[in-house]
């Protein structure tokens, strides 16, 4: 699986506190990437409940929440199919609940 980030995600990430970035990376390593490898994006298996992944209403954008407490940790992403027919996961935003205003 390929991953890319939007410029907005890169700005959000750069502005986030080191602890926030650490918790995001930890959630990726321990839960998100193993789920992707197991087929969660293809719906071959379910996403880990700890990540609270759900599709935002009337969009193709997904939300991932790894913490509801300080720091509130959320990220949005979608999947694009490349010209080669392979999927690419696009990280769109990262931050707190405010990212849902412009996911």
C-alpha atoms as a PDB file:
ATOM      1  CA  UNK A   1       0.000   0.000   0.000  1.00  0.00           C
ATOM      2  CA  UNK A   2       1.306   3.386  -0.970  1.00  0.00           C
ATOM      3  CA  UNK A   3       0.752   6.414   1.251  1.00  0.00           C
ATOM      4  CA  UNK A   4       0.885  10.097   0.375  1.00  0.00           C
ATOM      5  CA  UNK A   5      -0.035  13.233   2.275  1.00  0.00           C
ATOM      6  CA  UNK A   6      -1.800  16.376   1.178  1.00  0.00           C
ATOM      7  CA  UNK A   7      -0.088  19.740   1.740  1.00  0.00           C
ATOM      8  CA  UNK A   8      -2.750  20.448   4.382  1.00  0.00           C
ATOM      9  CA  UNK A   9      -1.851  17.257   6.264  1.00  0.00           C
ATOM     10  CA  UNK A  10       1.837  18.189   6.122  1.00  0.00           C
ATOM     11  CA  UNK A  11       1.090  21.635   7.599  1.00  0.00           C
ATOM     12  CA  UNK A  12      -1.194  20.167  10.283  1.00  0.00           C
ATOM     13  CA  UNK A  13       1.435  17.572  11.187  1.00  0.00           C
ATOM     14  CA  UNK A  14       4.269  20.115  11.344  1.00  0.00           C
ATOM     15  CA  UNK A  15       2.218  22.331  13.670  1.00  0.00           C
ATOM     16  CA  UNK A  16       1.229  19.506  15.993  1.00  0.00           C
ATOM     17  CA  UNK A  17       2.948  18.908  19.308  1.00  0.00           C
ATOM     18  CA  UNK A  18       5.679  16.241  19.430  1.00  0.00           C
ATOM     19  CA  UNK A  19       3.508  14.131  21.752  1.00  0.00           C
ATOM     20  CA  UNK A  20       0.655  14.269  19.234  1.00  0.00           C
ATOM     21  CA  UNK A  21       2.952  13.123  16.415  1.00  0.00           C
ATOM     22  CA  UNK A  22       4.332  10.327  18.586  1.00  0.00           C
ATOM     23  CA  UNK A  23       0.847   9.034  19.420  1.00  0.00           C
ATOM     24  CA  UNK A  24      -0.159   9.140  15.738  1.00  0.00           C
ATOM     25  CA  UNK A  25       2.941   7.183  14.696  1.00  0.00           C
ATOM     26  CA  UNK A  26       2.304   4.689  17.491  1.00  0.00           C
ATOM     27  CA  UNK A  27      -1.320   4.190  16.347  1.00  0.00           C
ATOM     28  CA  UNK A  28      -0.071   3.647  12.785  1.00  0.00           C
ATOM     29  CA  UNK A  29       2.564   1.081  13.776  1.00  0.00           C
ATOM     30  CA  UNK A  30       0.536  -0.838  16.325  1.00  0.00           C
ATOM     31  CA  UNK A  31      -2.956  -0.805  14.815  1.00  0.00           C
ATOM     32  CA  UNK A  32      -3.454   0.906  11.443  1.00  0.00           C
ATOM     33  CA  UNK A  33      -0.716  -0.676   9.325  1.00  0.00           C
ATOM     34  CA  UNK A  34      -1.344  -4.220  10.601  1.00  0.00           C
ATOM     35  CA  UNK A  35      -5.047  -3.745   9.759  1.00  0.00           C
ATOM     36  CA  UNK A  36      -4.176  -2.515   6.252  1.00  0.00           C
ATOM     37  CA  UNK A  37      -1.912  -5.540   5.746  1.00  0.00           C
ATOM     38  CA  UNK A  38      -4.765  -7.789   6.923  1.00  0.00           C
ATOM     39  CA  UNK A  39      -7.137  -6.298   4.349  1.00  0.00           C
ATOM     40  CA  UNK A  40      -9.185  -3.705   6.238  1.00  0.00           C
ATOM     41  CA  UNK A  41      -9.111  -1.293   3.277  1.00  0.00           C
ATOM     42  CA  UNK A  42     -10.489  -4.055   1.050  1.00  0.00           C
ATOM     43  CA  UNK A  43     -13.034  -4.910   3.751  1.00  0.00           C
ATOM     44  CA  UNK A  44     -11.543  -8.398   4.072  1.00  0.00           C
ATOM     45  CA  UNK A  45     -11.403  -7.764   7.815  1.00  0.00           C
ATOM     46  CA  UNK A  46     -12.639  -5.118  10.214  1.00  0.00           C
ATOM     47  CA  UNK A  47     -10.687  -2.128  11.464  1.00  0.00           C
ATOM     48  CA  UNK A  48      -9.426  -2.297  15.056  1.00  0.00           C
ATOM     49  CA  UNK A  49     -12.044  -0.831  17.388  1.00  0.00           C
ATOM     50  CA  UNK A  50      -9.300   1.199  19.110  1.00  0.00           C
ATOM     51  CA  UNK A  51      -8.961   3.393  15.990  1.00  0.00           C
ATOM     52  CA  UNK A  52     -12.684   4.191  15.662  1.00  0.00           C
ATOM     53  CA  UNK A  53     -12.424   4.332  11.855  1.00  0.00           C
ATOM     54  CA  UNK A  54     -15.612   5.380  10.093  1.00  0.00           C
ATOM     55  CA  UNK A  55     -16.651   6.946   6.820  1.00  0.00           C
ATOM     56  CA  UNK A  56     -17.767  10.569   7.020  1.00  0.00           C
ATOM     57  CA  UNK A  57     -21.352  11.078   5.865  1.00  0.00           C
ATOM     58  CA  UNK A  58     -21.886  11.601   2.136  1.00  0.00           C
ATOM     59  CA  UNK A  59     -18.151  11.545   1.338  1.00  0.00           C
ATOM     60  CA  UNK A  60     -15.417   9.094   0.410  1.00  0.00           C
ATOM     61  CA  UNK A  61     -13.372  10.350   3.376  1.00  0.00           C
ATOM     62  CA  UNK A  62     -12.612   8.216   6.414  1.00  0.00           C
ATOM     63  CA  UNK A  63     -11.825   9.355   9.927  1.00  0.00           C
ATOM     64  CA  UNK A  64      -9.468   7.700  12.376  1.00  0.00           C
ATOM     65  CA  UNK A  65      -9.520   8.584  16.079  1.00  0.00           C
ATOM     66  CA  UNK A  66      -6.846   7.234  18.371  1.00  0.00           C
ATOM     67  CA  UNK A  67      -7.445   9.498  21.367  1.00  0.00           C
ATOM     68  CA  UNK A  68     -10.428  11.423  22.738  1.00  0.00           C
ATOM     69  CA  UNK A  69      -8.404  12.886  25.586  1.00  0.00           C
ATOM     70  CA  UNK A  70      -5.548  15.351  25.619  1.00  0.00           C
ATOM     71  CA  UNK A  71      -4.210  15.412  23.034  1.00  0.00           C
ATOM     72  CA  UNK A  72      -7.373  14.751  21.040  1.00  0.00           C
ATOM     73  CA  UNK A  73      -6.019  12.684  18.134  1.00  0.00           C
ATOM     74  CA  UNK A  74      -7.786  12.383  14.793  1.00  0.00           C
ATOM     75  CA  UNK A  75      -6.849  12.096  11.142  1.00  0.00           C
ATOM     76  CA  UNK A  76      -8.759  11.876   7.880  1.00  0.00           C
ATOM     77  CA  UNK A  77      -7.876   9.923   4.769  1.00  0.00           C
ATOM     78  CA  UNK A  78      -9.267   8.594   1.520  1.00  0.00           C
ATOM     79  CA  UNK A  79      -8.160   5.989  -0.989  1.00  0.00           C
ATOM     80  CA  UNK A  80      -7.377   6.713  -4.643  1.00  0.00           C
ATOM     81  CA  UNK A  81      -6.824   4.164  -7.370  1.00  0.00           C
ATOM     82  CA  UNK A  82      -3.756   5.025  -9.431  1.00  0.00           C
ATOM     83  CA  UNK A  83      -3.335   4.708 -13.182  1.00  0.00           C
ATOM     84  CA  UNK A  84      -1.663   1.380 -12.497  1.00  0.00           C
ATOM     85  CA  UNK A  85      -4.840   0.162 -10.768  1.00  0.00           C
ATOM     86  CA  UNK A  86      -3.220   0.046  -7.339  1.00  0.00           C
ATOM     87  CA  UNK A  87      -4.666   1.868  -4.321  1.00  0.00           C
ATOM     88  CA  UNK A  88      -2.976   4.810  -2.637  1.00  0.00           C
ATOM     89  CA  UNK A  89      -3.995   5.964   0.816  1.00  0.00           C
ATOM     90  CA  UNK A  90      -4.082   9.770   0.984  1.00  0.00           C
ATOM     91  CA  UNK A  91      -3.732  11.357   4.427  1.00  0.00           C
ATOM     92  CA  UNK A  92      -5.811  14.568   4.327  1.00  0.00           C
ATOM     93  CA  UNK A  93      -5.825  16.154   7.809  1.00  0.00           C
ATOM     94  CA  UNK A  94      -4.507  15.513  11.309  1.00  0.00           C
ATOM     95  CA  UNK A  95      -5.327  17.244  14.554  1.00  0.00           C
ATOM     96  CA  UNK A  96      -8.304  17.446  16.877  1.00  0.00           C
ATOM     97  CA  UNK A  97     -12.063  17.491  16.297  1.00  0.00           C
ATOM     98  CA  UNK A  98     -11.701  20.789  14.362  1.00  0.00           C
ATOM     99  CA  UNK A  99     -10.355  18.931  11.310  1.00  0.00           C
ATOM    100  CA  UNK A 100     -13.930  17.849  10.517  1.00  0.00           C
ATOM    101  CA  UNK A 101     -14.802  21.388   9.458  1.00  0.00           C
ATOM    102  CA  UNK A 102     -12.678  20.862   6.308  1.00  0.00           C
ATOM    103  CA  UNK A 103     -11.778  17.159   6.323  1.00  0.00           C
END
